[in-house]
Protein backbone atom coordinates (compact mmCIF):
# COMPACT_ATOMS: atom_id res chain seq x y z
CA MET A 1 -32.05 2.72 -4.49
CA ARG A 2 -28.37 3.74 -3.61
CA THR A 3 -26.35 5.00 -6.56
CA LEU A 4 -22.68 4.13 -6.63
CA GLY A 5 -20.57 6.15 -9.17
CA VAL A 6 -17.64 3.99 -10.22
CA VAL A 7 -14.71 5.85 -11.98
CA THR A 8 -12.74 3.89 -14.50
CA THR A 9 -9.64 5.39 -16.47
CA SER A 10 -7.96 2.63 -18.29
CA ARG A 11 -7.92 -1.07 -19.35
CA ALA A 12 -6.03 -1.71 -15.98
CA ASP A 13 -8.62 -0.55 -13.56
CA TYR A 14 -11.40 -1.77 -15.74
CA GLY A 15 -10.17 -5.49 -15.45
CA ILE A 16 -9.97 -4.98 -11.84
CA TYR A 17 -13.25 -3.66 -11.51
CA LEU A 18 -14.97 -6.08 -13.68
CA PRO A 19 -16.29 -8.56 -11.08
CA LEU A 20 -17.16 -5.55 -8.75
CA LEU A 21 -19.30 -3.92 -11.47
CA ARG A 22 -21.24 -7.08 -12.09
CA ARG A 23 -21.86 -7.67 -8.38
CA ILE A 24 -23.20 -4.16 -8.08
CA GLN A 25 -25.45 -4.84 -10.90
CA ALA A 26 -26.74 -7.89 -9.36
CA GLU A 27 -27.18 -6.40 -5.94
CA PRO A 28 -30.92 -5.35 -5.11
CA GLY A 29 -31.02 -1.72 -3.92
CA LEU A 30 -27.85 -0.71 -5.86
CA ALA A 31 -27.62 1.28 -9.08
CA LEU A 32 -24.38 1.72 -11.06
CA ARG A 33 -23.41 4.78 -12.70
CA LEU A 34 -20.27 4.00 -14.60
CA LEU A 35 -17.98 7.28 -15.00
CA VAL A 36 -15.47 6.93 -17.85
CA THR A 37 -12.50 8.92 -18.48
CA GLY A 38 -8.68 9.00 -19.33
CA MET A 39 -7.23 6.43 -21.56
CA HIS A 40 -10.44 4.78 -22.30
CA LEU A 41 -11.46 7.98 -24.52
CA SER A 42 -8.20 8.21 -26.14
CA ARG A 43 -7.44 6.91 -29.77
CA ARG A 44 -3.87 6.78 -28.96
CA PHE A 45 -4.48 4.14 -26.38
CA GLY A 46 -6.97 2.18 -28.17
CA MET A 47 -10.40 3.60 -27.28
CA THR A 48 -10.85 1.04 -24.77
CA VAL A 49 -14.34 2.41 -24.02
CA HIS A 50 -15.59 0.34 -26.73
CA ALA A 51 -14.63 -2.82 -24.73
CA ILE A 52 -16.64 -1.61 -21.82
CA GLU A 53 -19.56 -1.18 -24.12
CA ALA A 54 -19.16 -4.66 -25.67
CA ASP A 55 -19.42 -6.17 -22.13
CA GLY A 56 -22.88 -4.71 -21.86
CA PHE A 57 -22.29 -1.82 -19.57
CA GLU A 58 -24.10 1.46 -19.98
CA ILE A 59 -21.89 4.55 -19.59
CA ALA A 60 -23.53 7.14 -17.48
CA GLU A 61 -20.82 9.96 -18.29
CA ARG A 62 -17.52 10.46 -20.36
CA VAL A 63 -15.08 12.91 -19.04
CA LYS A 64 -12.26 13.86 -21.60
CA MET A 65 -9.26 14.97 -19.78
CA LEU A 66 -5.89 13.73 -21.39
CA SER A 67 -3.81 15.79 -23.82
CA ASN A 68 -1.73 14.66 -26.58
CA SER A 69 1.40 15.08 -24.69
CA ASP A 70 2.94 13.18 -21.62
CA SER A 71 5.02 16.04 -20.33
CA PRO A 72 4.85 17.15 -16.75
CA GLU A 73 2.89 20.14 -17.80
CA ALA A 74 0.50 18.13 -19.84
CA VAL A 75 -0.11 15.77 -17.07
CA ALA A 76 -0.86 18.50 -14.65
CA LYS A 77 -3.22 20.28 -17.20
CA SER A 78 -5.13 16.88 -17.61
CA MET A 79 -5.54 16.73 -13.82
CA ALA A 80 -6.97 20.15 -13.81
CA ARG A 81 -9.16 19.39 -16.82
CA GLY A 82 -10.26 16.12 -15.13
CA ALA A 83 -11.28 17.99 -11.84
CA MET A 84 -13.31 20.49 -14.03
CA GLY A 85 -15.07 17.63 -16.02
CA PHE A 86 -16.13 15.68 -12.83
CA SER A 87 -17.25 18.78 -11.24
CA GLU A 88 -19.61 19.40 -14.16
CA VAL A 89 -20.78 15.62 -13.84
CA PHE A 90 -21.57 15.97 -10.10
CA SER A 91 -23.23 19.19 -10.68
CA ARG A 92 -25.67 17.24 -13.07
CA SER A 93 -26.06 14.33 -10.75
CA ARG A 94 -24.43 13.24 -7.43
CA PRO A 95 -23.92 9.60 -6.74
CA ASP A 96 -24.80 8.52 -3.20
CA LEU A 97 -21.24 6.99 -3.04
CA LEU A 98 -18.21 7.56 -5.39
CA VAL A 99 -15.93 4.52 -5.92
CA VAL A 100 -12.25 5.15 -7.17
CA LEU A 101 -9.24 2.76 -7.32
CA GLY A 102 -5.50 2.78 -6.92
CA ASP A 103 -3.27 5.66 -7.59
CA ARG A 104 -3.93 7.19 -11.09
CA PHE A 105 -3.79 11.10 -11.61
CA GLU A 106 -7.24 10.68 -13.48
CA MET A 107 -8.80 9.03 -10.45
CA HIS A 108 -7.31 11.65 -8.14
CA ALA A 109 -9.02 14.24 -10.18
CA ALA A 110 -12.46 12.69 -9.53
CA ALA A 111 -11.89 12.25 -5.94
CA LEU A 112 -10.91 15.84 -5.49
CA ALA A 113 -13.87 17.02 -7.51
CA ALA A 114 -16.06 15.07 -5.22
CA LEU A 115 -14.90 16.90 -2.11
CA PRO A 116 -16.94 20.22 -2.10
CA PHE A 117 -20.06 18.22 -3.15
CA LYS A 118 -19.84 16.25 -0.02
CA ILE A 119 -19.93 12.86 -1.89
CA PRO A 120 -18.54 10.09 0.21
CA VAL A 121 -15.69 8.47 -1.47
CA ALA A 122 -14.63 4.58 -1.33
CA HIS A 123 -11.23 3.91 -2.32
CA ILE A 124 -9.92 0.55 -3.33
CA HIS A 125 -6.24 -0.57 -3.18
CA GLY A 126 -5.01 2.16 -0.61
CA GLY A 127 -2.27 2.02 1.77
CA GLU A 128 0.15 0.47 -0.77
CA LEU A 129 3.71 1.76 -1.58
CA THR A 130 5.25 2.26 -5.12
CA GLU A 131 8.40 4.20 -4.36
CA GLY A 132 9.36 4.79 -7.82
CA ALA A 133 6.34 6.77 -9.01
CA ILE A 134 4.31 9.82 -8.24
CA ASP A 135 1.52 7.40 -7.92
CA ASP A 136 2.58 6.99 -4.28
CA ALA A 137 1.64 10.48 -3.29
CA LEU A 138 -1.62 10.56 -5.30
CA ARG A 139 -2.63 7.23 -3.73
CA HIS A 140 -1.99 8.60 -0.25
CA SER A 141 -3.73 11.99 -1.09
CA MET A 142 -6.79 9.78 -2.28
CA THR A 143 -6.86 8.18 1.11
CA LYS A 144 -7.23 11.39 2.76
CA LEU A 145 -9.96 12.31 0.47
CA SER A 146 -11.80 9.11 1.02
CA HIS A 147 -14.24 7.92 3.73
CA LEU A 148 -14.25 4.24 3.08
CA HIS A 149 -11.05 2.11 2.44
CA PHE A 150 -10.74 -1.39 0.94
CA ALA A 151 -7.17 -2.54 1.23
CA ALA A 152 -5.73 -5.69 -0.64
CA THR A 153 -3.63 -7.16 2.27
CA GLN A 154 -3.59 -6.99 6.16
CA GLU A 155 -0.42 -4.99 6.09
CA TYR A 156 -2.04 -2.29 3.67
CA GLY A 157 -5.01 -2.09 6.03
CA GLN A 158 -2.59 -1.63 8.97
CA ARG A 159 -0.85 1.15 7.14
CA LEU A 160 -4.23 2.97 6.53
CA VAL A 161 -4.84 3.02 10.10
CA GLN A 162 -1.17 4.26 10.72
CA MET A 163 -1.93 7.08 8.38
CA GLY A 164 -4.66 8.07 10.85
CA GLU A 165 -7.68 6.64 9.16
CA GLU A 166 -10.29 5.55 11.74
CA PRO A 167 -10.37 1.71 11.81
CA TRP A 168 -14.05 1.37 11.35
CA ARG A 169 -13.38 2.85 7.89
CA VAL A 170 -10.87 0.22 6.91
CA SER A 171 -11.61 -3.19 5.38
CA VAL A 172 -9.32 -5.78 4.22
CA SER A 173 -11.11 -7.00 1.27
CA GLY A 174 -8.20 -8.62 -1.00
CA ALA A 175 -7.56 -7.56 -4.57
CA PRO A 176 -10.89 -7.49 -6.72
CA SER A 177 -9.00 -8.48 -9.82
CA LEU A 178 -8.44 -12.19 -8.43
CA ASP A 179 -12.18 -12.55 -8.45
CA ASN A 180 -12.01 -12.79 -12.23
CA LEU A 181 -10.16 -16.11 -11.90
CA ALA A 182 -13.63 -17.71 -10.97
CA SER A 183 -15.42 -16.54 -14.04
CA VAL A 184 -12.90 -15.80 -16.94
CA LYS A 185 -12.60 -18.80 -19.34
CA LEU A 186 -8.93 -19.00 -20.56
CA LEU A 187 -8.23 -19.00 -24.25
CA THR A 188 -6.08 -21.52 -25.97
CA THR A 189 -3.06 -20.47 -28.00
CA ALA A 190 -5.07 -20.96 -31.30
CA ALA A 191 -8.00 -18.69 -29.86
CA LEU A 192 -5.74 -16.00 -28.67
CA GLU A 193 -4.00 -15.88 -32.10
CA SER A 194 -7.44 -15.69 -33.81
CA ARG A 195 -8.86 -12.97 -31.55
CA PHE A 196 -5.72 -10.76 -31.26
CA GLY A 197 -3.32 -11.85 -33.91
CA LEU A 198 -0.86 -12.98 -31.24
CA ARG A 199 1.07 -16.13 -30.81
CA VAL A 200 1.84 -16.77 -27.21
CA LEU A 201 3.99 -19.88 -27.04
CA PRO A 202 5.45 -21.75 -23.85
CA GLU A 203 8.71 -19.92 -24.55
CA THR A 204 7.15 -16.27 -25.01
CA LEU A 205 8.03 -13.44 -22.49
CA LEU A 206 5.06 -11.16 -21.77
CA VAL A 207 6.36 -7.87 -21.16
CA THR A 208 4.70 -4.59 -19.70
CA PHE A 209 6.90 -1.86 -18.85
CA HIS A 210 5.66 1.60 -17.69
CA PRO A 211 7.57 4.72 -16.83
CA ALA A 212 8.82 5.13 -13.13
CA THR A 213 7.43 8.55 -13.13
CA LEU A 214 10.03 9.64 -10.40
CA GLU A 215 12.71 8.84 -12.98
CA HIS A 216 10.81 9.82 -16.11
CA GLU A 217 13.82 11.66 -17.60
CA ASP A 218 15.60 8.17 -17.80
CA ALA A 219 12.65 6.45 -19.32
CA GLY A 220 14.29 6.26 -22.77
CA CYS A 221 17.64 4.80 -21.30
CA GLN A 222 15.81 2.38 -18.98
CA ALA A 223 13.58 1.13 -22.12
CA GLY A 224 16.68 0.45 -23.99
CA GLU A 225 18.31 -1.54 -21.34
CA LEU A 226 15.21 -3.76 -21.10
CA LEU A 227 14.97 -4.12 -24.85
CA ALA A 228 18.66 -5.09 -25.14
CA ALA A 229 18.19 -7.75 -22.49
CA LEU A 230 15.19 -9.12 -24.22
CA ARG A 231 17.06 -9.25 -27.39
CA ALA A 232 19.79 -11.21 -25.92
CA SER A 233 17.40 -13.66 -24.43
CA GLY A 234 16.58 -15.00 -27.89
CA ARG A 235 13.02 -15.65 -26.91
CA PRO A 236 9.69 -14.42 -28.60
CA VAL A 237 8.14 -11.41 -26.85
CA VAL A 238 4.58 -10.00 -26.66
CA PHE A 239 4.41 -6.26 -25.51
CA THR A 240 1.41 -4.75 -23.65
CA MET A 241 1.88 -1.07 -24.24
CA PRO A 242 2.52 1.65 -21.52
CA ASN A 243 0.23 4.01 -20.12
CA ALA A 244 -0.27 7.73 -20.32
CA ASP A 245 2.30 8.77 -17.64
CA THR A 246 5.36 11.05 -18.25
CA GLY A 247 7.88 9.17 -20.17
CA GLY A 248 5.38 6.69 -21.73
CA ARG A 249 5.68 8.18 -25.25
CA VAL A 250 9.40 7.37 -25.56
CA ILE A 251 8.91 3.87 -24.25
CA ARG A 252 6.14 3.23 -26.69
CA GLU A 253 8.31 4.56 -29.66
CA ARG A 254 11.22 2.33 -28.59
CA ILE A 255 8.88 -0.81 -28.36
CA LYS A 256 7.51 -0.11 -31.83
CA ARG A 257 10.96 0.05 -33.26
CA PHE A 258 11.85 -3.10 -31.62
CA VAL A 259 8.86 -4.85 -32.98
CA ARG A 260 9.54 -3.49 -36.57
CA GLU A 261 13.26 -4.92 -36.34
CA ASP A 262 12.49 -8.23 -34.64
CA SER A 263 10.15 -10.70 -36.35
CA SER A 264 9.61 -12.63 -33.11
CA ALA A 265 8.29 -9.68 -31.33
CA GLN A 266 4.62 -8.67 -31.03
CA ALA A 267 2.77 -5.73 -29.42
CA VAL A 268 -0.82 -5.05 -28.44
CA GLU A 269 -2.45 -2.06 -27.03
CA SER A 270 -5.00 -4.00 -24.90
CA LEU A 271 -5.80 -7.53 -24.42
CA GLY A 272 -8.69 -7.16 -22.04
CA THR A 273 -9.00 -9.32 -18.82
CA GLU A 274 -9.76 -12.73 -20.77
CA GLY A 275 -6.90 -12.17 -23.20
CA TYR A 276 -4.44 -10.90 -20.55
CA PHE A 277 -5.16 -13.68 -18.15
CA SER A 278 -4.67 -16.26 -21.07
CA ALA A 279 -1.38 -14.75 -21.92
CA LEU A 280 -0.37 -15.14 -18.17
CA ALA A 281 -1.41 -18.80 -18.42
CA LEU A 282 0.38 -19.64 -21.50
CA CYS A 283 3.76 -17.67 -21.40
CA ALA A 284 7.05 -18.54 -19.77
CA ALA A 285 7.53 -15.51 -17.78
CA MET A 286 6.54 -11.89 -17.31
CA VAL A 287 9.01 -9.16 -17.47
CA GLY A 288 8.78 -5.40 -16.80
CA ASN A 289 7.19 -3.43 -13.91
CA SER A 290 3.48 -3.76 -13.93
CA SER A 291 1.58 -4.29 -10.70
CA SER A 292 0.05 -7.30 -12.47
CA GLY A 293 3.17 -9.11 -11.84
CA LEU A 294 2.75 -8.84 -8.14
CA LEU A 295 -1.06 -9.11 -7.93
CA GLU A 296 -2.22 -11.66 -10.73
CA ALA A 297 0.79 -13.51 -11.80
CA PRO A 298 0.99 -15.55 -8.46
CA SER A 299 -2.27 -17.11 -9.13
CA PHE A 300 -0.85 -18.64 -12.40
CA GLY A 301 2.37 -19.72 -10.63
CA LEU A 302 4.17 -17.36 -13.17
CA PRO A 303 7.70 -16.29 -12.71
CA VAL A 304 8.02 -12.50 -12.80
CA VAL A 305 11.18 -10.38 -13.56
CA ASN A 306 10.26 -7.11 -11.92
CA VAL A 307 12.46 -4.36 -13.34
CA GLY A 308 13.58 -1.10 -11.47
CA SER A 309 11.93 0.93 -8.78
CA ARG A 310 8.30 1.37 -9.87
CA GLN A 311 6.89 -1.42 -7.73
CA ARG A 312 9.43 -1.02 -4.77
CA GLY A 313 7.44 -1.30 -1.54
CA ARG A 314 4.71 -3.47 -2.52
CA VAL A 315 4.01 -6.97 -1.08
CA ARG A 316 5.13 -9.67 -3.43
CA GLY A 317 5.12 -13.38 -3.71
CA VAL A 318 8.21 -15.58 -4.14
CA ASN A 319 7.36 -15.81 -7.93
CA VAL A 320 8.80 -12.20 -8.18
CA ILE A 321 12.50 -11.72 -9.03
CA ASP A 322 13.64 -8.15 -8.44
CA VAL A 323 16.18 -6.64 -10.61
CA GLY A 324 17.70 -3.16 -11.41
CA ASN A 325 17.56 -1.33 -14.69
CA GLY A 326 20.79 -2.70 -16.12
CA ARG A 327 20.61 -5.07 -19.02
CA GLU A 328 22.96 -7.64 -17.40
CA GLU A 329 20.73 -7.70 -14.38
CA ILE A 330 17.69 -8.23 -16.50
CA GLU A 331 19.35 -10.94 -18.25
CA ILE A 332 20.33 -12.81 -15.27
CA GLY A 333 16.81 -12.31 -14.05
CA ILE A 334 15.23 -13.72 -17.17
CA ARG A 335 17.54 -16.81 -17.20
CA ARG A 336 16.54 -17.54 -13.58
CA ALA A 337 12.74 -17.07 -14.28
CA THR A 338 12.86 -19.31 -17.24
CA ASP A 339 14.64 -22.05 -15.45
CA PRO A 340 12.20 -25.07 -15.24
CA ALA A 341 13.39 -25.56 -11.60
CA PHE A 342 12.19 -22.20 -10.68
CA ARG A 343 8.77 -22.68 -12.21
CA LYS A 344 8.41 -25.99 -10.50
CA HIS A 345 9.09 -24.27 -7.21
CA LEU A 346 6.03 -22.00 -7.69
CA LEU A 347 3.43 -24.86 -7.85
CA GLY A 348 0.76 -24.40 -5.33
CA LEU A 349 1.94 -20.86 -4.60
CA ALA A 350 -0.66 -18.80 -2.42
CA ASN A 351 -1.48 -15.34 -3.65
CA PRO A 352 -0.75 -12.94 -0.97
CA TYR A 353 -3.39 -10.45 -2.37
CA GLY A 354 -6.52 -12.67 -1.36
CA ASP A 355 -8.85 -15.42 -2.02
CA GLY A 356 -10.92 -14.13 -5.02
CA LYS A 357 -13.84 -12.87 -2.85
CA ALA A 358 -13.02 -9.14 -2.75
CA SER A 359 -16.04 -7.96 -4.68
CA ARG A 360 -18.36 -9.71 -2.29
CA ARG A 361 -16.95 -8.07 0.61
CA ILE A 362 -16.69 -4.50 -0.91
CA VAL A 363 -20.28 -4.52 -2.16
CA SER A 364 -21.66 -5.80 1.05
CA LYS A 365 -20.06 -2.81 2.89
CA LEU A 366 -21.11 -0.28 0.25
CA ALA A 367 -24.67 -1.52 0.33
CA LYS A 368 -25.03 -1.32 3.96
CA VAL A 369 -22.93 1.38 5.36
CA PRO A 370 -25.00 4.34 6.68
CA LEU A 371 -24.95 7.22 4.59
CA SER A 372 -24.88 9.65 7.65
CA GLY A 373 -22.97 12.61 8.80
CA ARG A 374 -20.61 10.33 10.61
CA LEU A 375 -19.28 8.99 7.35
CA LEU A 376 -18.48 12.34 5.99
CA ARG A 377 -16.98 13.74 9.25
CA LYS A 378 -13.63 12.36 9.14
CA ARG A 379 -11.64 12.53 12.39
CA PHE A 380 -7.84 11.82 12.81
CA HIS A 381 -7.40 8.48 14.41
CA ASP A 382 -4.81 8.99 17.49
CA ILE A 383 -1.90 6.94 17.21
CA ALA A 384 1.55 6.96 19.01
CA PHE A 385 4.21 8.83 16.90
CA PRO A 386 7.94 9.07 18.04
CA GLU A 387 8.84 12.55 19.28
CA VAL A 388 9.93 14.97 16.57
CA ARG A 389 12.70 17.42 17.58
CA LEU A 390 13.39 20.54 15.69
């Protein structure tokens, strides 16, 4: 029996993982060990660990690492606390393979702790760029800590090889979150309201705005500009709340104030995969800087107003309208996104992040790859570099 330790840190990566977790459970010869950390274990972020349990998954380990602050010092201390916590987990029980996803500092702590234990690491969603966030450095660092790579697009797979990863370690799987489209039953407006207390109408804007962590000092100002543009749109708004990054707290407080002052605005901590996909299917447009606007929204033919620098560098479909952080730009973007002609233009849009079969490809590789010394002995793949002169 091959044991796969899968690290989940928040509602965001859990929704991406969900089809993968179910396929691991169904695969003969594989045993799932779910390692839960980060925002999942925080009351401030809704204790989403309960949603994992409600889905029927057994939690093997809980690693508490977040502090009550989102300052740079607090985030750095959380990273250290996470590395210590995962070192204790691996000391008790080492998985045969550790699976991590994306670019969160909580994920990085787990991959770093695995290194001295010689645990092979499989990384999903590597090779991507997000120029406005510290996530870029964390993601590329995780690439170097990892031994197998599952890229969402051909371009990202090529970038991993350009970074020196041996080609045999890199697979282009597509984005696992798209696999959910085949199994998630979308809720009606009435069902969504009954379950979450949210009314998502055809004119509603779904808004998710996280800190651009390389610009976290400007988080309050950027949130203010976004909220001013949303107010000017005159449309009802549903917010999903920001994550635990530096600057997230000030954005959270601005959103709460907006909701108190505007009766047509609502906010929710977490909708889960079913609720979130249902909102994507029902609303007029998505606004903010969440990666879901690039990854999942194209499958719904949903217009997206992508604000600021946080997702700069990522592959995107024609549904994405890129704007700056100023309220006028955002207002123009919202008007364009909600124009019926623009929405009609997106009918039949192909999602650049894959065909909804990523989990099958990932599990097949994880089940069959030889756990030999060759897997652990990483070698630099020779590629041609331009000459560097000092």
